[in-house]
Amino acid sequence: MAFIKNISRIGNSNGIIIEKRVLDILDIDEETPLKFTTDGTSLVITPLRRHRSLQEILFKNFIKYGETLRDLAK
């Protein structure tokens, strides 16, 4: 996936707004720590993931797909 963004003024700083659809694809939110690296030409932003328990993963997917799973079980 590739897209073009401009830097925006945010208060006394500059920032890049990331749309919700991209956050959803990457499974990140405002609490996800991000690592910024550069080779002097490009900026790479990598989410730092904490290891989630199986219970957390199942719960998140149940919230997201629970209704569909109930319909399939019928």
N, C-alpha and C. Protein backbone atom coordinates (compact mmCIF):
# COMPACT_ATOMS: atom_id res chain seq x y z
N MET A 1 0.85 -1.17 0.00
CA MET A 1 0.00 0.00 0.00
C MET A 1 0.90 1.23 0.00
N ALA A 2 0.57 2.17 -0.82
CA ALA A 2 1.32 3.43 -0.86
C ALA A 2 0.32 4.58 -0.93
N PHE A 3 0.65 5.66 -0.29
CA PHE A 3 -0.19 6.85 -0.37
C PHE A 3 0.68 8.08 -0.13
N ILE A 4 0.19 9.22 -0.56
CA ILE A 4 0.93 10.47 -0.43
C ILE A 4 0.27 11.33 0.63
N LYS A 5 1.06 11.86 1.53
CA LYS A 5 0.57 12.72 2.61
C LYS A 5 1.43 13.97 2.66
N ASN A 6 0.87 15.05 3.13
CA ASN A 6 1.62 16.27 3.41
C ASN A 6 1.76 16.43 4.91
N ILE A 7 2.81 17.10 5.32
CA ILE A 7 2.98 17.42 6.73
C ILE A 7 2.01 18.54 7.08
N SER A 8 1.34 18.43 8.22
CA SER A 8 0.36 19.41 8.67
C SER A 8 0.84 20.12 9.92
N ARG A 9 0.44 21.36 10.06
CA ARG A 9 0.74 22.13 11.27
C ARG A 9 -0.21 21.64 12.36
N ILE A 10 0.34 21.26 13.51
CA ILE A 10 -0.45 20.82 14.65
C ILE A 10 0.08 21.59 15.86
N GLY A 11 -0.60 22.65 16.25
CA GLY A 11 -0.10 23.50 17.33
C GLY A 11 1.21 24.15 16.91
N ASN A 12 2.24 24.02 17.76
CA ASN A 12 3.56 24.55 17.45
C ASN A 12 4.46 23.52 16.79
N SER A 13 3.87 22.40 16.37
CA SER A 13 4.65 21.31 15.77
C SER A 13 4.12 20.98 14.38
N ASN A 14 4.73 20.03 13.75
CA ASN A 14 4.25 19.49 12.49
C ASN A 14 3.98 18.00 12.68
N GLY A 15 3.04 17.47 11.91
CA GLY A 15 2.73 16.06 12.05
C GLY A 15 2.12 15.50 10.79
N ILE A 16 1.96 14.21 10.78
CA ILE A 16 1.32 13.51 9.67
C ILE A 16 0.09 12.82 10.25
N ILE A 17 -1.06 13.11 9.69
CA ILE A 17 -2.31 12.48 10.14
C ILE A 17 -2.44 11.13 9.44
N ILE A 18 -2.68 10.08 10.22
CA ILE A 18 -2.85 8.74 9.67
C ILE A 18 -4.33 8.37 9.77
N GLU A 19 -4.95 8.09 8.64
CA GLU A 19 -6.36 7.77 8.61
C GLU A 19 -6.66 6.47 9.36
N LYS A 20 -7.89 6.39 9.86
CA LYS A 20 -8.32 5.23 10.64
C LYS A 20 -8.18 3.93 9.85
N ARG A 21 -8.48 3.97 8.55
CA ARG A 21 -8.39 2.73 7.77
C ARG A 21 -6.97 2.18 7.76
N VAL A 22 -5.97 3.06 7.75
CA VAL A 22 -4.57 2.62 7.78
C VAL A 22 -4.23 2.08 9.17
N LEU A 23 -4.70 2.78 10.21
CA LEU A 23 -4.48 2.29 11.58
C LEU A 23 -5.09 0.91 11.76
N ASP A 24 -6.29 0.71 11.20
CA ASP A 24 -6.95 -0.59 11.31
C ASP A 24 -6.17 -1.68 10.58
N ILE A 25 -5.67 -1.37 9.40
CA ILE A 25 -4.88 -2.35 8.64
C ILE A 25 -3.64 -2.76 9.42
N LEU A 26 -3.00 -1.77 10.06
CA LEU A 26 -1.77 -2.03 10.82
C LEU A 26 -2.04 -2.53 12.23
N ASP A 27 -3.32 -2.52 12.64
CA ASP A 27 -3.72 -2.91 13.98
C ASP A 27 -2.97 -2.09 15.03
N ILE A 28 -2.98 -0.76 14.86
CA ILE A 28 -2.36 0.14 15.83
C ILE A 28 -3.34 1.23 16.21
N ASP A 29 -3.09 1.88 17.33
CA ASP A 29 -3.90 3.01 17.76
C ASP A 29 -2.99 4.03 18.43
N GLU A 30 -3.59 5.05 19.07
CA GLU A 30 -2.80 6.13 19.66
C GLU A 30 -1.94 5.67 20.84
N GLU A 31 -2.18 4.48 21.34
CA GLU A 31 -1.37 3.96 22.45
C GLU A 31 -0.21 3.08 21.99
N THR A 32 -0.15 2.77 20.70
CA THR A 32 0.90 1.91 20.16
C THR A 32 2.20 2.70 20.04
N PRO A 33 3.27 2.27 20.71
CA PRO A 33 4.55 2.97 20.53
C PRO A 33 5.07 2.75 19.12
N LEU A 34 5.65 3.80 18.55
CA LEU A 34 6.17 3.74 17.18
C LEU A 34 7.66 4.03 17.19
N LYS A 35 8.41 3.27 16.42
CA LYS A 35 9.86 3.47 16.27
C LYS A 35 10.10 4.18 14.94
N PHE A 36 10.82 5.30 14.97
CA PHE A 36 11.15 6.07 13.78
C PHE A 36 12.61 5.83 13.43
N THR A 37 12.87 5.42 12.20
CA THR A 37 14.24 5.24 11.73
C THR A 37 14.38 5.95 10.38
N THR A 38 15.61 6.32 10.05
CA THR A 38 15.87 6.96 8.77
C THR A 38 17.25 6.57 8.27
N ASP A 39 17.37 6.56 6.95
CA ASP A 39 18.68 6.35 6.34
C ASP A 39 19.20 7.67 5.78
N GLY A 40 18.55 8.77 6.15
CA GLY A 40 18.92 10.09 5.66
C GLY A 40 18.10 10.51 4.46
N THR A 41 17.36 9.57 3.87
CA THR A 41 16.53 9.86 2.71
C THR A 41 15.07 9.52 2.98
N SER A 42 14.85 8.38 3.63
CA SER A 42 13.50 7.89 3.89
C SER A 42 13.25 7.81 5.39
N LEU A 43 11.98 7.94 5.74
CA LEU A 43 11.54 7.77 7.12
C LEU A 43 10.74 6.48 7.20
N VAL A 44 11.10 5.61 8.13
CA VAL A 44 10.37 4.36 8.32
C VAL A 44 9.76 4.39 9.72
N ILE A 45 8.46 4.15 9.81
CA ILE A 45 7.75 4.13 11.09
C ILE A 45 7.30 2.70 11.33
N THR A 46 7.77 2.11 12.43
CA THR A 46 7.48 0.72 12.73
C THR A 46 6.77 0.62 14.08
N PRO A 47 5.59 -0.01 14.13
CA PRO A 47 4.93 -0.19 15.42
C PRO A 47 5.70 -1.19 16.28
N LEU A 48 5.85 -0.86 17.55
CA LEU A 48 6.48 -1.78 18.50
C LEU A 48 5.35 -2.53 19.19
N ARG A 49 5.30 -3.79 18.96
CA ARG A 49 4.19 -4.60 19.48
C ARG A 49 4.58 -5.27 20.78
N ARG A 50 3.67 -5.17 21.71
CA ARG A 50 3.84 -5.97 22.92
C ARG A 50 3.20 -7.32 22.63
N HIS A 51 3.66 -8.34 23.28
CA HIS A 51 3.10 -9.66 23.06
C HIS A 51 1.77 -9.74 23.77
N ARG A 52 0.74 -10.04 22.99
CA ARG A 52 -0.59 -10.16 23.55
C ARG A 52 -0.88 -11.61 23.89
N SER A 53 -1.66 -11.81 24.93
CA SER A 53 -2.04 -13.17 25.31
C SER A 53 -3.08 -13.69 24.33
N LEU A 54 -3.21 -14.99 24.27
CA LEU A 54 -4.21 -15.61 23.42
C LEU A 54 -5.60 -15.11 23.80
N GLN A 55 -5.83 -14.93 25.10
CA GLN A 55 -7.13 -14.44 25.56
C GLN A 55 -7.43 -13.04 25.00
N GLU A 56 -6.44 -12.16 24.99
CA GLU A 56 -6.62 -10.81 24.44
C GLU A 56 -6.95 -10.88 22.95
N ILE A 57 -6.23 -11.73 22.23
CA ILE A 57 -6.44 -11.85 20.79
C ILE A 57 -7.84 -12.39 20.51
N LEU A 58 -8.25 -13.44 21.23
CA LEU A 58 -9.57 -14.02 21.02
C LEU A 58 -10.66 -13.02 21.37
N PHE A 59 -10.49 -12.28 22.46
CA PHE A 59 -11.49 -11.30 22.88
C PHE A 59 -11.64 -10.20 21.82
N LYS A 60 -10.52 -9.69 21.34
CA LYS A 60 -10.56 -8.63 20.32
C LYS A 60 -11.28 -9.13 19.07
N ASN A 61 -10.98 -10.35 18.64
CA ASN A 61 -11.62 -10.89 17.45
C ASN A 61 -13.08 -11.21 17.69
N PHE A 62 -13.43 -11.63 18.91
CA PHE A 62 -14.83 -11.88 19.22
C PHE A 62 -15.62 -10.57 19.16
N ILE A 63 -15.05 -9.50 19.69
CA ILE A 63 -15.72 -8.20 19.63
C ILE A 63 -15.91 -7.79 18.16
N LYS A 64 -14.88 -8.01 17.37
CA LYS A 64 -14.91 -7.58 15.97
C LYS A 64 -15.81 -8.49 15.12
N TYR A 65 -15.76 -9.80 15.33
CA TYR A 65 -16.45 -10.75 14.46
C TYR A 65 -17.52 -11.58 15.17
N GLY A 66 -17.85 -11.24 16.42
CA GLY A 66 -18.76 -12.06 17.21
C GLY A 66 -20.10 -12.31 16.56
N GLU A 67 -20.69 -11.26 16.01
CA GLU A 67 -22.00 -11.41 15.38
C GLU A 67 -21.92 -12.35 14.18
N THR A 68 -20.90 -12.21 13.39
CA THR A 68 -20.72 -13.09 12.22
C THR A 68 -20.49 -14.52 12.67
N LEU A 69 -19.69 -14.72 13.72
CA LEU A 69 -19.44 -16.07 14.23
C LEU A 69 -20.73 -16.70 14.77
N ARG A 70 -21.55 -15.91 15.46
CA ARG A 70 -22.84 -16.44 15.95
C ARG A 70 -23.73 -16.85 14.77
N ASP A 71 -23.76 -16.02 13.72
CA ASP A 71 -24.58 -16.35 12.54
C ASP A 71 -24.07 -17.63 11.87
N LEU A 72 -22.77 -17.80 11.79
CA LEU A 72 -22.21 -19.01 11.17
C LEU A 72 -22.51 -20.25 12.00
N ALA A 73 -22.60 -20.09 13.31
CA ALA A 73 -22.83 -21.23 14.20
C ALA A 73 -24.27 -21.74 14.12
N LYS A 74 -25.17 -20.94 13.58
CA LYS A 74 -26.59 -21.33 13.52
C LYS A 74 -26.85 -22.37 12.47
